[in-house]
Amino acid sequence: MNIDENFSSSDNNPSSNDVMATAMNEISAILIEPMEKAGKITPEQNAILSLIGLSFKIMAEKATQLEKLEEGFQGNFINKGDFNRN
């Protein structure tokens, strides 16, 4: 039960893309940018960090697509528990 009339459940359920973008921005601001300014990241390390960031972005996009797929199936099954069934 929610007692806040202005509450929207979608406000508290960001997409995987949004969560990933927020997390990556914070990691960049807290760790990567200060280390780059201090000259503590080599070009090789920077390339690896870029690949990791790209991998996270791909995973978040796939997760967001799955979230959209699941939202589309809500209420469309006779047996709602059958979504994961083969």
C-alpha atoms as a PDB file:
ATOM      1  CA  MET A   1       0.000   0.000   0.000  1.00  0.00           C
ATOM      2  CA  ASN A   2       1.324   3.418  -0.932  1.00  0.00           C
ATOM      3  CA  ILE A   3       0.082   6.461   0.968  1.00  0.00           C
ATOM      4  CA  ASP A   4       1.719   9.023  -1.350  1.00  0.00           C
ATOM      5  CA  GLU A   5      -0.884  10.194  -3.883  1.00  0.00           C
ATOM      6  CA  ASN A   6       1.817  11.460  -6.247  1.00  0.00           C
ATOM      7  CA  PHE A   7       3.675   8.147  -6.249  1.00  0.00           C
ATOM      8  CA  SER A   8       4.254   6.459  -9.573  1.00  0.00           C
ATOM      9  CA  SER A   9       5.723   2.972  -9.587  1.00  0.00           C
ATOM     10  CA  SER A  10       7.500   3.760 -12.854  1.00  0.00           C
ATOM     11  CA  ASP A  11       9.486   6.467 -11.025  1.00  0.00           C
ATOM     12  CA  ASN A  12      11.123   3.788  -8.894  1.00  0.00           C
ATOM     13  CA  ASN A  13      11.658   1.285 -11.690  1.00  0.00           C
ATOM     14  CA  PRO A  14      14.191   2.747 -14.115  1.00  0.00           C
ATOM     15  CA  SER A  15      15.234   0.744 -17.146  1.00  0.00           C
ATOM     16  CA  SER A  16      18.473  -1.206 -17.162  1.00  0.00           C
ATOM     17  CA  ASN A  17      19.886   1.371 -19.586  1.00  0.00           C
ATOM     18  CA  ASP A  18      19.149   4.175 -17.124  1.00  0.00           C
ATOM     19  CA  VAL A  19      20.692   2.302 -14.207  1.00  0.00           C
ATOM     20  CA  MET A  20      23.800   1.464 -16.212  1.00  0.00           C
ATOM     21  CA  ALA A  21      24.221   5.030 -17.477  1.00  0.00           C
ATOM     22  CA  THR A  22      23.913   6.447 -13.966  1.00  0.00           C
ATOM     23  CA  ALA A  23      26.387   3.924 -12.558  1.00  0.00           C
ATOM     24  CA  MET A  24      28.900   4.481 -15.368  1.00  0.00           C
ATOM     25  CA  ASN A  25      28.683   8.270 -14.935  1.00  0.00           C
ATOM     26  CA  GLU A  26      29.437   7.928 -11.237  1.00  0.00           C
ATOM     27  CA  ILE A  27      32.335   5.521 -11.831  1.00  0.00           C
ATOM     28  CA  SER A  28      33.750   7.949 -14.361  1.00  0.00           C
ATOM     29  CA  ALA A  29      33.386  10.976 -12.090  1.00  0.00           C
ATOM     30  CA  ILE A  30      34.697   9.262  -8.950  1.00  0.00           C
ATOM     31  CA  LEU A  31      37.456   7.056 -10.358  1.00  0.00           C
ATOM     32  CA  ILE A  32      38.340   7.352 -14.018  1.00  0.00           C
ATOM     33  CA  GLU A  33      38.463  11.133 -14.552  1.00  0.00           C
ATOM     34  CA  PRO A  34      40.592  11.826 -11.448  1.00  0.00           C
ATOM     35  CA  MET A  35      42.998   9.038 -12.403  1.00  0.00           C
ATOM     36  CA  GLU A  36      43.264  10.350 -15.969  1.00  0.00           C
ATOM     37  CA  LYS A  37      44.021  13.855 -14.681  1.00  0.00           C
ATOM     38  CA  ALA A  38      46.687  12.417 -12.386  1.00  0.00           C
ATOM     39  CA  GLY A  39      48.203  10.461 -15.270  1.00  0.00           C
ATOM     40  CA  LYS A  40      47.636   7.130 -13.539  1.00  0.00           C
ATOM     41  CA  ILE A  41      45.851   5.364 -16.419  1.00  0.00           C
ATOM     42  CA  THR A  42      47.865   3.961 -19.298  1.00  0.00           C
ATOM     43  CA  PRO A  43      46.487   3.909 -22.857  1.00  0.00           C
ATOM     44  CA  GLU A  44      46.109   0.128 -22.549  1.00  0.00           C
ATOM     45  CA  GLN A  45      44.113   0.471 -19.330  1.00  0.00           C
ATOM     46  CA  ASN A  46      41.976   3.158 -20.942  1.00  0.00           C
ATOM     47  CA  ALA A  47      41.236   0.817 -23.870  1.00  0.00           C
ATOM     48  CA  ILE A  48      40.280  -1.990 -21.491  1.00  0.00           C
ATOM     49  CA  LEU A  49      37.993   0.345 -19.524  1.00  0.00           C
ATOM     50  CA  SER A  50      36.350   1.395 -22.790  1.00  0.00           C
ATOM     51  CA  LEU A  51      35.701  -2.242 -23.740  1.00  0.00           C
ATOM     52  CA  ILE A  52      34.262  -2.949 -20.298  1.00  0.00           C
ATOM     53  CA  GLY A  53      31.972   0.080 -20.591  1.00  0.00           C
ATOM     54  CA  LEU A  54      30.829  -1.032 -24.034  1.00  0.00           C
ATOM     55  CA  SER A  55      30.157  -4.552 -22.722  1.00  0.00           C
ATOM     56  CA  PHE A  56      28.056  -3.139 -19.871  1.00  0.00           C
ATOM     57  CA  LYS A  57      26.121  -0.995 -22.345  1.00  0.00           C
ATOM     58  CA  ILE A  58      25.346  -4.011 -24.540  1.00  0.00           C
ATOM     59  CA  MET A  59      24.185  -6.026 -21.507  1.00  0.00           C
ATOM     60  CA  ALA A  60      21.981  -3.139 -20.330  1.00  0.00           C
ATOM     61  CA  GLU A  61      20.411  -2.789 -23.783  1.00  0.00           C
ATOM     62  CA  LYS A  62      19.625  -6.503 -23.866  1.00  0.00           C
ATOM     63  CA  ALA A  63      18.166  -6.343 -20.365  1.00  0.00           C
ATOM     64  CA  THR A  64      16.016  -3.352 -21.310  1.00  0.00           C
ATOM     65  CA  GLN A  65      14.684  -5.228 -24.342  1.00  0.00           C
ATOM     66  CA  LEU A  66      13.826  -8.187 -22.117  1.00  0.00           C
ATOM     67  CA  GLU A  67      12.061  -5.839 -19.680  1.00  0.00           C
ATOM     68  CA  LYS A  68       9.979  -4.440 -22.565  1.00  0.00           C
ATOM     69  CA  LEU A  69       9.172  -7.958 -23.751  1.00  0.00           C
ATOM     70  CA  GLU A  70       8.046  -9.008 -20.272  1.00  0.00           C
ATOM     71  CA  GLU A  71       5.911  -5.861 -19.919  1.00  0.00           C
ATOM     72  CA  GLY A  72       4.198  -6.736 -23.189  1.00  0.00           C
ATOM     73  CA  PHE A  73       3.287 -10.189 -21.868  1.00  0.00           C
ATOM     74  CA  GLN A  74       1.779  -8.994 -18.580  1.00  0.00           C
ATOM     75  CA  GLY A  75      -1.786 -10.197 -18.388  1.00  0.00           C
ATOM     76  CA  ASN A  76      -1.726 -11.874 -21.796  1.00  0.00           C
ATOM     77  CA  PHE A  77      -1.261 -15.427 -20.528  1.00  0.00           C
ATOM     78  CA  ILE A  78      -3.961 -17.683 -19.218  1.00  0.00           C
ATOM     79  CA  ASN A  79      -1.422 -19.099 -16.782  1.00  0.00           C
ATOM     80  CA  LYS A  80       0.743 -16.114 -15.846  1.00  0.00           C
ATOM     81  CA  GLY A  81       3.344 -18.372 -14.248  1.00  0.00           C
ATOM     82  CA  ASP A  82       4.094 -19.926 -17.641  1.00  0.00           C
ATOM     83  CA  PHE A  83       6.283 -17.052 -18.908  1.00  0.00           C
ATOM     84  CA  ASN A  84       9.525 -18.938 -18.151  1.00  0.00           C
ATOM     85  CA  ARG A  85       8.177 -22.318 -19.130  1.00  0.00           C
ATOM     86  CA  ASN A  86       9.577 -24.126 -22.180  1.00  0.00           C
END
